[in-house]
Amino acid sequence: MRKNYGYLFDAANMSMGGSSAPTSLEAYINYAAQTTLLCAAAGNTGAPGVIYPAKYPACIAVGAIDSANNKASFSSTGPEVDICAPGVNILSTLPGNNYGTLSGTSMATPHVSGAAALCRGTHRWSPLSDIRALLEGTTVDLGPGGKDNSFGWGRVNCVGATYHKKK
């Protein structure tokens, strides 16, 4: 049974990152991943090379797709990409109490962290590794069969992951 420390998050959105990181960041990520599903933006270079912290295995690295399920031209690629989600022309809040559309893997990552939180809610006592496996195992495969460097396992499937019956 999972210990309840009263301050834990089940899922965290990390729409941030960089091309390098101090070694201490990986230790922190590994520590946090013991109690939290860490969803991190893969980056917006449009080339191979996922950014930190998404590059760490403890994170769910999120790539971006457009409304036609094509890889977004800016979405970073690589074997670290785990899941993709809509990230092009996403309605968002803007400074000054405004709304507008933005594009980036930072717009895709909240879709996955939201799905992770919902999945966690319906599979409350499952280990986080099972929740991650559900998120990855119920995706809609968009690339070559199985995991690939552009889409990871595929497009996040919130309904599939949330209502999947464990065997």
C-alpha atoms as a PDB file:
ATOM      1  CA  MET A   1       0.000   0.000   0.000  1.00  0.00           C
ATOM      2  CA  ARG A   2       1.224   3.478  -0.847  1.00  0.00           C
ATOM      3  CA  LYS A   3       2.230   5.693   2.037  1.00  0.00           C
ATOM      4  CA  ASN A   4       0.341   8.962   2.221  1.00  0.00           C
ATOM      5  CA  TYR A   5       2.634  11.781   3.256  1.00  0.00           C
ATOM      6  CA  GLY A   6      -0.055  14.394   2.644  1.00  0.00           C
ATOM      7  CA  TYR A   7       2.007  16.505   0.237  1.00  0.00           C
ATOM      8  CA  LEU A   8       2.638  14.252  -2.744  1.00  0.00           C
ATOM      9  CA  PHE A   9       1.598  14.924  -6.288  1.00  0.00           C
ATOM     10  CA  ASP A  10       0.541  11.968  -8.391  1.00  0.00           C
ATOM     11  CA  ALA A  11       1.490  13.673 -11.678  1.00  0.00           C
ATOM     12  CA  ALA A  12       3.609  16.708 -12.485  1.00  0.00           C
ATOM     13  CA  ASN A  13       3.854  18.750 -15.663  1.00  0.00           C
ATOM     14  CA  MET A  14       7.339  19.972 -16.535  1.00  0.00           C
ATOM     15  CA  SER A  15       6.948  22.230 -19.549  1.00  0.00           C
ATOM     16  CA  MET A  16      10.504  23.418 -19.348  1.00  0.00           C
ATOM     17  CA  GLY A  17      14.005  22.261 -20.018  1.00  0.00           C
ATOM     18  CA  GLY A  18      17.395  22.821 -21.542  1.00  0.00           C
ATOM     19  CA  SER A  19      20.126  21.204 -23.606  1.00  0.00           C
ATOM     20  CA  SER A  20      22.262  20.526 -20.545  1.00  0.00           C
ATOM     21  CA  ALA A  21      21.708  19.990 -16.847  1.00  0.00           C
ATOM     22  CA  PRO A  22      23.746  19.729 -13.664  1.00  0.00           C
ATOM     23  CA  THR A  23      24.287  16.166 -12.452  1.00  0.00           C
ATOM     24  CA  SER A  24      22.273  16.971  -9.351  1.00  0.00           C
ATOM     25  CA  LEU A  25      19.135  17.346 -11.486  1.00  0.00           C
ATOM     26  CA  GLU A  26      19.079  13.649 -12.357  1.00  0.00           C
ATOM     27  CA  ALA A  27      19.314  12.729  -8.679  1.00  0.00           C
ATOM     28  CA  TYR A  28      16.383  15.029  -7.903  1.00  0.00           C
ATOM     29  CA  ILE A  29      14.340  13.660 -10.831  1.00  0.00           C
ATOM     30  CA  ASN A  30      14.979  10.080  -9.713  1.00  0.00           C
ATOM     31  CA  TYR A  31      13.962  10.974  -6.167  1.00  0.00           C
ATOM     32  CA  ALA A  32      10.774  12.761  -7.243  1.00  0.00           C
ATOM     33  CA  ALA A  33       9.817   9.943  -9.646  1.00  0.00           C
ATOM     34  CA  GLN A  34       9.463   7.556  -6.702  1.00  0.00           C
ATOM     35  CA  THR A  35       6.147   9.214  -5.805  1.00  0.00           C
ATOM     36  CA  THR A  36       5.192  11.288  -8.862  1.00  0.00           C
ATOM     37  CA  LEU A  37       4.668  10.653 -12.568  1.00  0.00           C
ATOM     38  CA  LEU A  38       6.945  13.249 -14.159  1.00  0.00           C
ATOM     39  CA  CYS A  39       5.808  14.382 -17.614  1.00  0.00           C
ATOM     40  CA  ALA A  40       8.393  16.531 -19.393  1.00  0.00           C
ATOM     41  CA  ALA A  41       8.515  18.434 -22.688  1.00  0.00           C
ATOM     42  CA  ALA A  42      10.848  16.789 -25.234  1.00  0.00           C
ATOM     43  CA  GLY A  43      11.961  20.113 -26.735  1.00  0.00           C
ATOM     44  CA  ASN A  44      11.361  22.259 -29.794  1.00  0.00           C
ATOM     45  CA  THR A  45      14.466  21.868 -31.952  1.00  0.00           C
ATOM     46  CA  GLY A  46      12.752  19.811 -34.668  1.00  0.00           C
ATOM     47  CA  ALA A  47      15.843  17.608 -34.673  1.00  0.00           C
ATOM     48  CA  PRO A  48      17.190  14.601 -32.798  1.00  0.00           C
ATOM     49  CA  GLY A  49      18.050  15.441 -29.220  1.00  0.00           C
ATOM     50  CA  VAL A  50      15.498  15.425 -26.410  1.00  0.00           C
ATOM     51  CA  ILE A  51      16.138  18.101 -23.761  1.00  0.00           C
ATOM     52  CA  TYR A  52      16.582  17.729 -20.000  1.00  0.00           C
ATOM     53  CA  PRO A  53      14.790  16.707 -17.843  1.00  0.00           C
ATOM     54  CA  ALA A  54      12.740  14.757 -20.454  1.00  0.00           C
ATOM     55  CA  LYS A  55      15.937  12.961 -21.470  1.00  0.00           C
ATOM     56  CA  TYR A  56      16.053  11.126 -18.136  1.00  0.00           C
ATOM     57  CA  PRO A  57      14.436   7.648 -18.115  1.00  0.00           C
ATOM     58  CA  ALA A  58      12.445   8.525 -14.972  1.00  0.00           C
ATOM     59  CA  CYS A  59      10.477  11.138 -16.962  1.00  0.00           C
ATOM     60  CA  ILE A  60       7.742  10.586 -19.521  1.00  0.00           C
ATOM     61  CA  ALA A  61       9.172  12.535 -22.478  1.00  0.00           C
ATOM     62  CA  VAL A  62       6.401  14.188 -24.511  1.00  0.00           C
ATOM     63  CA  GLY A  63       6.595  15.089 -28.198  1.00  0.00           C
ATOM     64  CA  ALA A  64       4.091  17.229 -30.099  1.00  0.00           C
ATOM     65  CA  ILE A  65       1.696  16.457 -32.949  1.00  0.00           C
ATOM     66  CA  ASP A  66      -0.674  18.616 -34.982  1.00  0.00           C
ATOM     67  CA  SER A  67      -4.441  18.191 -35.428  1.00  0.00           C
ATOM     68  CA  ALA A  68      -3.857  15.727 -38.302  1.00  0.00           C
ATOM     69  CA  ASN A  69      -1.687  13.480 -36.070  1.00  0.00           C
ATOM     70  CA  ASN A  70       1.515  14.495 -37.867  1.00  0.00           C
ATOM     71  CA  LYS A  71       4.687  15.102 -35.879  1.00  0.00           C
ATOM     72  CA  ALA A  72       4.960  18.829 -35.292  1.00  0.00           C
ATOM     73  CA  SER A  73       7.853  20.243 -37.317  1.00  0.00           C
ATOM     74  CA  PHE A  74       9.448  21.704 -34.175  1.00  0.00           C
ATOM     75  CA  SER A  75       9.115  18.600 -31.948  1.00  0.00           C
ATOM     76  CA  SER A  76      12.456  17.146 -30.859  1.00  0.00           C
ATOM     77  CA  THR A  77      12.986  13.473 -31.612  1.00  0.00           C
ATOM     78  CA  GLY A  78      14.970  10.613 -30.187  1.00  0.00           C
ATOM     79  CA  PRO A  79      14.683   7.275 -28.419  1.00  0.00           C
ATOM     80  CA  GLU A  80      13.722   9.081 -25.198  1.00  0.00           C
ATOM     81  CA  VAL A  81      10.357  10.255 -26.631  1.00  0.00           C
ATOM     82  CA  ASP A  82       7.683   8.190 -24.860  1.00  0.00           C
ATOM     83  CA  ILE A  83       4.329   9.709 -25.829  1.00  0.00           C
ATOM     84  CA  CYS A  84       3.043  12.471 -28.073  1.00  0.00           C
ATOM     85  CA  ALA A  85       0.074  14.803 -27.681  1.00  0.00           C
ATOM     86  CA  PRO A  86      -1.454  17.822 -29.426  1.00  0.00           C
ATOM     87  CA  GLY A  87       0.977  20.740 -29.320  1.00  0.00           C
ATOM     88  CA  VAL A  88       0.161  22.971 -32.313  1.00  0.00           C
ATOM     89  CA  ASN A  89      -2.133  26.003 -31.992  1.00  0.00           C
ATOM     90  CA  ILE A  90      -3.268  25.128 -28.468  1.00  0.00           C
ATOM     91  CA  LEU A  91      -5.531  27.651 -26.757  1.00  0.00           C
ATOM     92  CA  SER A  92      -3.786  28.896 -23.643  1.00  0.00           C
ATOM     93  CA  THR A  93      -3.785  31.680 -21.122  1.00  0.00           C
ATOM     94  CA  LEU A  94      -1.440  34.570 -21.831  1.00  0.00           C
ATOM     95  CA  PRO A  95      -0.063  37.375 -19.670  1.00  0.00           C
ATOM     96  CA  GLY A  96      -2.436  40.260 -19.015  1.00  0.00           C
ATOM     97  CA  ASN A  97      -5.535  38.128 -18.477  1.00  0.00           C
ATOM     98  CA  ASN A  98      -5.663  37.149 -22.161  1.00  0.00           C
ATOM     99  CA  TYR A  99      -6.019  34.008 -24.250  1.00  0.00           C
ATOM    100  CA  GLY A 100      -4.262  32.978 -27.423  1.00  0.00           C
ATOM    101  CA  THR A 101      -2.809  30.000 -29.230  1.00  0.00           C
ATOM    102  CA  LEU A 102       0.669  28.670 -28.612  1.00  0.00           C
ATOM    103  CA  SER A 103       2.654  25.791 -30.064  1.00  0.00           C
ATOM    104  CA  GLY A 104       5.376  23.631 -28.551  1.00  0.00           C
ATOM    105  CA  THR A 105       6.062  20.479 -26.640  1.00  0.00           C
ATOM    106  CA  SER A 106       5.270  22.596 -23.582  1.00  0.00           C
ATOM    107  CA  MET A 107       1.700  22.744 -24.899  1.00  0.00           C
ATOM    108  CA  ALA A 108       1.629  18.957 -25.469  1.00  0.00           C
ATOM    109  CA  THR A 109       2.965  17.955 -22.064  1.00  0.00           C
ATOM    110  CA  PRO A 110      -0.082  19.141 -20.039  1.00  0.00           C
ATOM    111  CA  HIS A 111      -2.264  16.779 -22.084  1.00  0.00           C
ATOM    112  CA  VAL A 112      -0.147  13.852 -20.890  1.00  0.00           C
ATOM    113  CA  SER A 113       0.164  14.997 -17.279  1.00  0.00           C
ATOM    114  CA  GLY A 114      -3.620  15.494 -17.177  1.00  0.00           C
ATOM    115  CA  ALA A 115      -4.175  11.997 -18.571  1.00  0.00           C
ATOM    116  CA  ALA A 116      -1.697  10.661 -15.993  1.00  0.00           C
ATOM    117  CA  ALA A 117      -3.630  12.323 -13.167  1.00  0.00           C
ATOM    118  CA  LEU A 118      -6.954  10.955 -14.417  1.00  0.00           C
ATOM    119  CA  CYS A 119      -5.478   7.498 -14.886  1.00  0.00           C
ATOM    120  CA  ARG A 120      -4.040   7.638 -11.388  1.00  0.00           C
ATOM    121  CA  GLY A 121      -7.468   8.580 -10.047  1.00  0.00           C
ATOM    122  CA  THR A 122      -9.140   5.509 -11.541  1.00  0.00           C
ATOM    123  CA  HIS A 123      -6.273   3.173 -10.610  1.00  0.00           C
ATOM    124  CA  ARG A 124      -5.670   4.698  -7.190  1.00  0.00           C
ATOM    125  CA  TRP A 125      -3.728   1.916  -5.538  1.00  0.00           C
ATOM    126  CA  SER A 126      -1.690   0.821  -8.525  1.00  0.00           C
ATOM    127  CA  PRO A 127       2.048   1.441  -8.488  1.00  0.00           C
ATOM    128  CA  LEU A 128       3.196   4.414 -10.559  1.00  0.00           C
ATOM    129  CA  SER A 129       5.043   2.016 -12.868  1.00  0.00           C
ATOM    130  CA  ASP A 130       1.671   0.436 -13.738  1.00  0.00           C
ATOM    131  CA  ILE A 131       0.156   3.863 -14.429  1.00  0.00           C
ATOM    132  CA  ARG A 132       3.027   4.704 -16.760  1.00  0.00           C
ATOM    133  CA  ALA A 133       2.624   1.331 -18.482  1.00  0.00           C
ATOM    134  CA  LEU A 134      -1.110   2.031 -18.939  1.00  0.00           C
ATOM    135  CA  LEU A 135      -0.401   5.458 -20.445  1.00  0.00           C
ATOM    136  CA  GLU A 136       2.173   4.015 -22.847  1.00  0.00           C
ATOM    137  CA  GLY A 137       0.268   0.782 -23.578  1.00  0.00           C
ATOM    138  CA  THR A 138      -3.025   2.422 -24.517  1.00  0.00           C
ATOM    139  CA  THR A 139      -1.634   5.067 -26.887  1.00  0.00           C
ATOM    140  CA  VAL A 140      -2.789   5.351 -30.497  1.00  0.00           C
ATOM    141  CA  ASP A 141       0.233   4.258 -32.548  1.00  0.00           C
ATOM    142  CA  LEU A 142       0.979   6.883 -35.201  1.00  0.00           C
ATOM    143  CA  GLY A 143       4.352   5.857 -36.588  1.00  0.00           C
ATOM    144  CA  PRO A 144       5.924   2.545 -37.472  1.00  0.00           C
ATOM    145  CA  GLY A 145       4.577  -0.260 -35.256  1.00  0.00           C
ATOM    146  CA  GLY A 146       5.744   0.054 -31.660  1.00  0.00           C
ATOM    147  CA  LYS A 147       7.870   2.782 -30.155  1.00  0.00           C
ATOM    148  CA  ASP A 148       9.686   5.148 -32.520  1.00  0.00           C
ATOM    149  CA  ASN A 149      11.813   8.288 -32.227  1.00  0.00           C
ATOM    150  CA  SER A 150       9.113  10.722 -33.413  1.00  0.00           C
ATOM    151  CA  PHE A 151       5.909   9.610 -31.688  1.00  0.00           C
ATOM    152  CA  GLY A 152       7.226   7.384 -28.911  1.00  0.00           C
ATOM    153  CA  TRP A 153       4.549   4.772 -28.253  1.00  0.00           C
ATOM    154  CA  GLY A 154       1.954   7.055 -29.892  1.00  0.00           C
ATOM    155  CA  ARG A 155      -0.682   9.686 -29.117  1.00  0.00           C
ATOM    156  CA  VAL A 156      -1.890   9.751 -25.540  1.00  0.00           C
ATOM    157  CA  ASN A 157      -5.275   8.067 -25.129  1.00  0.00           C
ATOM    158  CA  CYS A 158      -6.869   9.498 -22.015  1.00  0.00           C
ATOM    159  CA  VAL A 159     -10.023   7.398 -22.194  1.00  0.00           C
ATOM    160  CA  GLY A 160      -8.137   4.196 -22.944  1.00  0.00           C
ATOM    161  CA  ALA A 161      -5.705   4.663 -20.072  1.00  0.00           C
ATOM    162  CA  THR A 162      -8.311   5.838 -17.593  1.00  0.00           C
ATOM    163  CA  TYR A 163     -10.870   3.089 -18.176  1.00  0.00           C
ATOM    164  CA  HIS A 164      -8.510   0.213 -18.959  1.00  0.00           C
ATOM    165  CA  LYS A 165      -9.281  -2.799 -16.812  1.00  0.00           C
ATOM    166  CA  LYS A 166      -6.241  -4.279 -15.110  1.00  0.00           C
ATOM    167  CA  LYS A 167      -5.888  -8.039 -15.502  1.00  0.00           C
END
